[in-house]
Protein backbone atom coordinates (compact mmCIF):
# COMPACT_ATOMS: atom_id res chain seq x y z
CA UNK A 1 -10.48 -10.92 -73.04
CA UNK A 2 -9.72 -7.91 -75.31
CA UNK A 3 -6.64 -5.85 -74.60
CA UNK A 4 -5.95 -2.22 -75.40
CA UNK A 5 -2.56 -1.80 -77.01
CA UNK A 6 -1.78 0.44 -80.01
CA UNK A 7 -2.37 -1.13 -83.47
CA UNK A 8 1.34 -0.83 -84.32
CA UNK A 9 2.14 -3.26 -81.50
CA UNK A 10 4.05 -0.72 -79.42
CA UNK A 11 3.24 -0.54 -75.74
CA UNK A 12 4.89 1.91 -73.34
CA UNK A 13 3.15 0.33 -70.37
CA UNK A 14 4.72 -2.34 -68.19
CA UNK A 15 1.46 -4.31 -67.99
CA UNK A 16 -1.06 -5.39 -70.60
CA UNK A 17 -4.39 -3.60 -70.22
CA UNK A 18 -7.65 -5.52 -70.43
CA UNK A 19 -10.77 -3.78 -71.70
CA UNK A 20 -13.77 -4.47 -69.48
CA UNK A 21 -16.90 -2.66 -68.38
CA UNK A 22 -17.54 -3.11 -64.69
CA UNK A 23 -19.11 -0.81 -62.10
CA UNK A 24 -16.96 0.17 -59.15
CA UNK A 25 -16.33 3.04 -56.75
CA UNK A 26 -13.41 5.45 -56.62
CA UNK A 27 -12.63 6.43 -53.03
CA UNK A 28 -10.73 9.67 -52.46
CA UNK A 29 -10.45 10.66 -48.80
CA UNK A 30 -14.05 10.34 -47.57
CA UNK A 31 -15.60 10.98 -50.99
CA UNK A 32 -16.92 8.01 -52.95
CA UNK A 33 -17.51 8.38 -56.70
CA UNK A 34 -19.47 5.95 -58.87
CA UNK A 35 -17.31 4.75 -61.76
CA UNK A 36 -17.09 2.19 -64.51
CA UNK A 37 -13.77 0.46 -65.07
CA UNK A 38 -12.91 0.90 -68.76
CA UNK A 39 -9.61 -0.96 -68.72
CA UNK A 40 -7.38 -2.48 -66.09
CA UNK A 41 -3.95 -4.03 -65.67
CA UNK A 42 -1.92 -5.21 -62.72
CA UNK A 43 -0.41 -1.71 -62.62
CA UNK A 44 -3.45 0.53 -62.94
CA UNK A 45 -6.88 1.27 -64.36
CA UNK A 46 -8.79 3.78 -66.43
CA UNK A 47 -12.10 4.76 -64.87
CA UNK A 48 -15.08 6.65 -66.28
CA UNK A 49 -16.82 8.58 -63.51
CA UNK A 50 -20.57 9.14 -63.39
CA UNK A 51 -19.94 12.84 -62.68
CA UNK A 52 -16.80 14.89 -63.44
CA UNK A 53 -14.12 14.62 -60.77
CA UNK A 54 -11.31 17.08 -60.19
CA UNK A 55 -8.39 15.62 -58.27
CA UNK A 56 -4.64 16.28 -58.30
CA UNK A 57 -2.07 13.83 -59.63
CA UNK A 58 -0.53 11.57 -56.94
CA UNK A 59 -3.56 11.93 -54.63
CA UNK A 60 -4.09 8.74 -52.61
CA UNK A 61 -7.19 6.83 -53.66
CA UNK A 62 -8.67 3.35 -53.81
CA UNK A 63 -10.71 1.41 -56.32
CA UNK A 64 -13.55 -0.37 -54.49
CA UNK A 65 -15.01 -3.37 -56.29
CA UNK A 66 -17.95 -5.25 -54.76
CA UNK A 67 -16.99 -8.73 -53.60
CA UNK A 68 -13.29 -8.13 -54.38
CA UNK A 69 -12.44 -5.35 -51.93
CA UNK A 70 -10.41 -2.17 -52.19
CA UNK A 71 -7.25 -1.67 -54.20
CA UNK A 72 -5.17 1.30 -53.02
CA UNK A 73 -3.23 3.55 -55.35
CA UNK A 74 -2.63 7.10 -56.51
CA UNK A 75 -4.26 9.23 -59.16
CA UNK A 76 -2.05 9.12 -62.26
CA UNK A 77 -4.14 11.62 -64.26
CA UNK A 78 -7.60 13.18 -64.27
CA UNK A 79 -9.49 14.62 -67.26
CA UNK A 80 -13.10 15.59 -66.55
CA UNK A 81 -15.04 12.35 -66.40
CA UNK A 82 -12.04 10.01 -66.67
CA UNK A 83 -9.44 9.13 -64.04
CA UNK A 84 -6.33 7.00 -64.33
CA UNK A 85 -5.03 5.32 -61.21
CA UNK A 86 -1.80 3.46 -60.46
CA UNK A 87 -2.17 0.59 -58.00
CA UNK A 88 -0.01 -0.04 -54.93
CA UNK A 89 -1.02 -3.70 -54.61
CA UNK A 90 1.12 -6.61 -55.67
CA UNK A 91 0.82 -7.99 -59.18
CA UNK A 92 -0.64 -11.33 -58.02
CA UNK A 93 -3.50 -9.67 -56.11
CA UNK A 94 -4.36 -7.52 -59.12
CA UNK A 95 -4.04 -10.49 -61.51
CA UNK A 96 -6.58 -12.39 -59.38
CA UNK A 97 -8.93 -9.39 -59.42
CA UNK A 98 -8.61 -8.98 -63.20
CA UNK A 99 -9.51 -12.63 -63.75
CA UNK A 100 -12.55 -12.28 -61.46
CA UNK A 101 -13.68 -9.10 -63.25
CA UNK A 102 -13.23 -10.70 -66.67
CA UNK A 103 -15.46 -13.61 -65.70
CA UNK A 104 -18.22 -11.20 -64.59
CA UNK A 105 -18.07 -8.69 -67.46
């Protein structure tokens, strides 16, 4: 499974990110936005939204993945059609989800 770390080997993130393409939903309050997961780690994910989303940093949200459930977190950043989220779930639950997504991408 490809990972997305800088070519110089440096990595300021705690967790290794895995590049995947998988459809999911971003849930913010009662709004549900179609997204594609671009990369994911046990700590967070980068999502590409089907339509631009404007949401404040630290807003509660969840990543909804069919057959895997919802993964709660907060918005880490938002730039037009991309959203970064930081997960609240434990590392083992996210590790299981990453493995399942990798097998289906």
